[in-house]
């Protein structure tokens, strides 16, 4: 099981909304050989949307140094053209299931689904970063 740990530089004072730290924690938790879409991450966090997740990743938010960026893709499994060669090398090294054309991950086979324990860790991380969920979502 992969651990959802709070990156050391994602303390609430460094990232007041905590969103960047949460995105970084989820990205670091994606196991080798698996991927999530930007929208998948937003759904797990119950905050923001695909564009907000992509903005965090593009900006290099707190806790993002050295993270496995290639494990976060568009909903169809693709990445921007400039990132594809490096990502494909990582996918092959990790054994990520690819589409028949071998040009991107096969989202049906490669998408990571966190188990109950990992979701519980995400909830604890939410609390640690003082992220408040809408009471209507409960």
C-alpha atoms as a PDB file:
ATOM      1  CA  UNK A   1       0.000   0.000   0.000  1.00  0.00           C
ATOM      2  CA  UNK A   2       1.192   3.500  -0.817  1.00  0.00           C
ATOM      3  CA  UNK A   3       1.153   6.069   1.960  1.00  0.00           C
ATOM      4  CA  UNK A   4      -0.456   9.478   1.650  1.00  0.00           C
ATOM      5  CA  UNK A   5       2.001  11.548   3.621  1.00  0.00           C
ATOM      6  CA  UNK A   6       2.002  15.285   4.022  1.00  0.00           C
ATOM      7  CA  UNK A   7       5.022  16.707   2.179  1.00  0.00           C
ATOM      8  CA  UNK A   8       7.280  18.638   4.588  1.00  0.00           C
ATOM      9  CA  UNK A   9       6.900  21.920   2.723  1.00  0.00           C
ATOM     10  CA  UNK A  10       3.101  21.774   2.404  1.00  0.00           C
ATOM     11  CA  UNK A  11       2.284  23.086   5.856  1.00  0.00           C
ATOM     12  CA  UNK A  12      -0.840  25.259   5.923  1.00  0.00           C
ATOM     13  CA  UNK A  13       1.212  28.445   6.270  1.00  0.00           C
ATOM     14  CA  UNK A  14       3.072  27.697   3.013  1.00  0.00           C
ATOM     15  CA  UNK A  15      -0.078  26.755   1.118  1.00  0.00           C
ATOM     16  CA  UNK A  16      -2.983  28.487   2.890  1.00  0.00           C
ATOM     17  CA  UNK A  17      -5.711  26.539   1.082  1.00  0.00           C
ATOM     18  CA  UNK A  18      -3.804  23.281   1.427  1.00  0.00           C
ATOM     19  CA  UNK A  19      -4.761  22.317  -2.111  1.00  0.00           C
ATOM     20  CA  UNK A  20      -1.227  22.129  -3.495  1.00  0.00           C
ATOM     21  CA  UNK A  21      -0.121  19.949  -0.606  1.00  0.00           C
ATOM     22  CA  UNK A  22      -3.092  17.656  -1.094  1.00  0.00           C
ATOM     23  CA  UNK A  23      -2.451  17.322  -4.824  1.00  0.00           C
ATOM     24  CA  UNK A  24       1.215  16.550  -4.132  1.00  0.00           C
ATOM     25  CA  UNK A  25       0.284  13.906  -1.546  1.00  0.00           C
ATOM     26  CA  UNK A  26      -2.101  12.146  -3.933  1.00  0.00           C
ATOM     27  CA  UNK A  27       0.387  12.234  -6.816  1.00  0.00           C
ATOM     28  CA  UNK A  28       3.112  10.764  -4.600  1.00  0.00           C
ATOM     29  CA  UNK A  29       0.698   8.017  -3.494  1.00  0.00           C
ATOM     30  CA  UNK A  30      -0.060   6.764  -7.020  1.00  0.00           C
ATOM     31  CA  UNK A  31       1.700   3.397  -7.254  1.00  0.00           C
ATOM     32  CA  UNK A  32       4.216   2.668  -9.996  1.00  0.00           C
ATOM     33  CA  UNK A  33       2.449   1.311 -13.061  1.00  0.00           C
ATOM     34  CA  UNK A  34      -0.784   3.193 -12.300  1.00  0.00           C
ATOM     35  CA  UNK A  35      -2.166   6.592 -13.310  1.00  0.00           C
ATOM     36  CA  UNK A  36      -4.892   9.056 -12.384  1.00  0.00           C
ATOM     37  CA  UNK A  37      -6.404  11.825 -14.461  1.00  0.00           C
ATOM     38  CA  UNK A  38      -6.446  15.426 -13.295  1.00  0.00           C
ATOM     39  CA  UNK A  39     -10.196  14.993 -12.739  1.00  0.00           C
ATOM     40  CA  UNK A  40      -9.680  11.794 -10.741  1.00  0.00           C
ATOM     41  CA  UNK A  41      -7.443  13.700  -8.334  1.00  0.00           C
ATOM     42  CA  UNK A  42      -9.982  16.526  -7.969  1.00  0.00           C
ATOM     43  CA  UNK A  43     -12.688  13.940  -7.211  1.00  0.00           C
ATOM     44  CA  UNK A  44     -10.530  12.234  -4.578  1.00  0.00           C
ATOM     45  CA  UNK A  45      -9.834  15.591  -2.953  1.00  0.00           C
ATOM     46  CA  UNK A  46     -13.456  16.703  -3.230  1.00  0.00           C
ATOM     47  CA  UNK A  47     -12.061  20.112  -4.187  1.00  0.00           C
ATOM     48  CA  UNK A  48     -11.305  21.972  -7.367  1.00  0.00           C
ATOM     49  CA  UNK A  49     -11.425  20.408 -10.781  1.00  0.00           C
ATOM     50  CA  UNK A  50      -9.092  19.130 -13.480  1.00  0.00           C
ATOM     51  CA  UNK A  51      -7.870  22.628 -14.347  1.00  0.00           C
ATOM     52  CA  UNK A  52      -6.981  23.439 -10.745  1.00  0.00           C
ATOM     53  CA  UNK A  53      -5.040  20.184 -10.392  1.00  0.00           C
ATOM     54  CA  UNK A  54      -3.227  20.867 -13.671  1.00  0.00           C
ATOM     55  CA  UNK A  55      -2.391  24.394 -12.496  1.00  0.00           C
ATOM     56  CA  UNK A  56      -0.852  23.044  -9.276  1.00  0.00           C
ATOM     57  CA  UNK A  57       1.231  20.585 -11.252  1.00  0.00           C
ATOM     58  CA  UNK A  58       2.346  23.168 -13.801  1.00  0.00           C
ATOM     59  CA  UNK A  59       3.278  25.680 -11.099  1.00  0.00           C
ATOM     60  CA  UNK A  60       5.410  23.273  -9.075  1.00  0.00           C
ATOM     61  CA  UNK A  61       3.419  23.796  -5.873  1.00  0.00           C
ATOM     62  CA  UNK A  62       4.881  22.988  -2.433  1.00  0.00           C
ATOM     63  CA  UNK A  63       5.770  19.323  -2.123  1.00  0.00           C
ATOM     64  CA  UNK A  64       6.008  18.680  -5.868  1.00  0.00           C
ATOM     65  CA  UNK A  65       9.778  18.421  -6.320  1.00  0.00           C
ATOM     66  CA  UNK A  66      10.726  14.979  -7.544  1.00  0.00           C
ATOM     67  CA  UNK A  67       7.155  13.731  -7.802  1.00  0.00           C
ATOM     68  CA  UNK A  68       6.021  11.169 -10.418  1.00  0.00           C
ATOM     69  CA  UNK A  69       4.321  13.695 -12.724  1.00  0.00           C
ATOM     70  CA  UNK A  70       3.924  11.120 -15.527  1.00  0.00           C
ATOM     71  CA  UNK A  71       1.340   9.279 -13.426  1.00  0.00           C
ATOM     72  CA  UNK A  72      -1.142  12.157 -13.852  1.00  0.00           C
ATOM     73  CA  UNK A  73      -2.716  12.378 -17.285  1.00  0.00           C
ATOM     74  CA  UNK A  74      -5.656  13.814 -19.171  1.00  0.00           C
ATOM     75  CA  UNK A  75      -8.940  11.879 -19.002  1.00  0.00           C
ATOM     76  CA  UNK A  76      -8.035  10.014 -22.211  1.00  0.00           C
ATOM     77  CA  UNK A  77      -4.619   9.025 -20.842  1.00  0.00           C
ATOM     78  CA  UNK A  78      -2.665  11.510 -22.931  1.00  0.00           C
ATOM     79  CA  UNK A  79      -0.095  14.119 -21.955  1.00  0.00           C
ATOM     80  CA  UNK A  80       1.124  17.220 -23.786  1.00  0.00           C
ATOM     81  CA  UNK A  81       3.309  16.272 -26.765  1.00  0.00           C
ATOM     82  CA  UNK A  82       6.460  17.728 -25.182  1.00  0.00           C
ATOM     83  CA  UNK A  83       6.117  15.384 -22.171  1.00  0.00           C
ATOM     84  CA  UNK A  84       5.269  12.167 -24.039  1.00  0.00           C
ATOM     85  CA  UNK A  85       8.777  10.802 -24.738  1.00  0.00           C
ATOM     86  CA  UNK A  86       9.878  11.036 -21.092  1.00  0.00           C
ATOM     87  CA  UNK A  87       6.521   9.744 -19.836  1.00  0.00           C
ATOM     88  CA  UNK A  88       6.540   6.766 -22.216  1.00  0.00           C
ATOM     89  CA  UNK A  89       9.979   5.786 -20.951  1.00  0.00           C
ATOM     90  CA  UNK A  90       8.650   5.894 -17.365  1.00  0.00           C
ATOM     91  CA  UNK A  91       5.522   3.906 -18.290  1.00  0.00           C
ATOM     92  CA  UNK A  92       7.603   1.185 -19.909  1.00  0.00           C
ATOM     93  CA  UNK A  93      10.010   1.043 -16.953  1.00  0.00           C
ATOM     94  CA  UNK A  94       7.101   0.762 -14.480  1.00  0.00           C
ATOM     95  CA  UNK A  95       5.051  -1.684 -16.544  1.00  0.00           C
ATOM     96  CA  UNK A  96       2.103   0.688 -16.914  1.00  0.00           C
ATOM     97  CA  UNK A  97      -0.599  -0.875 -19.123  1.00  0.00           C
ATOM     98  CA  UNK A  98      -0.552   0.973 -22.451  1.00  0.00           C
ATOM     99  CA  UNK A  99      -3.066   1.197 -25.270  1.00  0.00           C
ATOM    100  CA  UNK A 100      -2.528  -1.035 -28.302  1.00  0.00           C
ATOM    101  CA  UNK A 101      -0.824   1.866 -30.099  1.00  0.00           C
ATOM    102  CA  UNK A 102       1.545   2.149 -27.081  1.00  0.00           C
ATOM    103  CA  UNK A 103       1.192   5.918 -27.180  1.00  0.00           C
ATOM    104  CA  UNK A 104      -0.405   6.426 -23.739  1.00  0.00           C
ATOM    105  CA  UNK A 105      -1.736   4.539 -20.716  1.00  0.00           C
ATOM    106  CA  UNK A 106      -4.854   2.435 -21.133  1.00  0.00           C
ATOM    107  CA  UNK A 107      -7.092   4.186 -18.616  1.00  0.00           C
ATOM    108  CA  UNK A 108      -9.323   1.143 -18.088  1.00  0.00           C
ATOM    109  CA  UNK A 109      -6.380  -0.999 -17.007  1.00  0.00           C
ATOM    110  CA  UNK A 110      -3.963   1.588 -15.593  1.00  0.00           C
ATOM    111  CA  UNK A 111      -6.261   3.786 -13.483  1.00  0.00           C
ATOM    112  CA  UNK A 112      -5.442   3.548  -9.772  1.00  0.00           C
ATOM    113  CA  UNK A 113      -8.321   2.980  -7.375  1.00  0.00           C
ATOM    114  CA  UNK A 114      -7.294   3.717  -3.774  1.00  0.00           C
ATOM    115  CA  UNK A 115      -8.425   1.132  -1.238  1.00  0.00           C
ATOM    116  CA  UNK A 116     -10.325   1.965   1.958  1.00  0.00           C
ATOM    117  CA  UNK A 117      -7.124   2.385   3.972  1.00  0.00           C
ATOM    118  CA  UNK A 118      -5.660   4.836   1.462  1.00  0.00           C
ATOM    119  CA  UNK A 119      -8.912   6.804   1.410  1.00  0.00           C
ATOM    120  CA  UNK A 120      -8.783   6.953   5.208  1.00  0.00           C
ATOM    121  CA  UNK A 121      -5.256   8.342   5.004  1.00  0.00           C
ATOM    122  CA  UNK A 122      -6.500  10.978   2.557  1.00  0.00           C
ATOM    123  CA  UNK A 123      -9.205  11.979   5.048  1.00  0.00           C
ATOM    124  CA  UNK A 124      -6.561  12.316   7.787  1.00  0.00           C
ATOM    125  CA  UNK A 125      -4.453  14.456   5.456  1.00  0.00           C
ATOM    126  CA  UNK A 126      -7.476  16.671   4.782  1.00  0.00           C
ATOM    127  CA  UNK A 127      -7.815  17.202   8.531  1.00  0.00           C
ATOM    128  CA  UNK A 128      -4.088  17.819   9.028  1.00  0.00           C
ATOM    129  CA  UNK A 129      -4.136  20.555   6.406  1.00  0.00           C
ATOM    130  CA  UNK A 130      -7.333  22.037   7.875  1.00  0.00           C
ATOM    131  CA  UNK A 131      -9.255  21.550   4.673  1.00  0.00           C
ATOM    132  CA  UNK A 132     -12.909  21.962   5.415  1.00  0.00           C
ATOM    133  CA  UNK A 133     -15.413  19.998   3.368  1.00  0.00           C
ATOM    134  CA  UNK A 134     -18.855  21.379   2.659  1.00  0.00           C
ATOM    135  CA  UNK A 135     -21.169  20.036   5.409  1.00  0.00           C
ATOM    136  CA  UNK A 136     -23.765  19.362   2.724  1.00  0.00           C
ATOM    137  CA  UNK A 137     -21.420  16.678   1.273  1.00  0.00           C
ATOM    138  CA  UNK A 138     -21.569  14.594   4.471  1.00  0.00           C
END
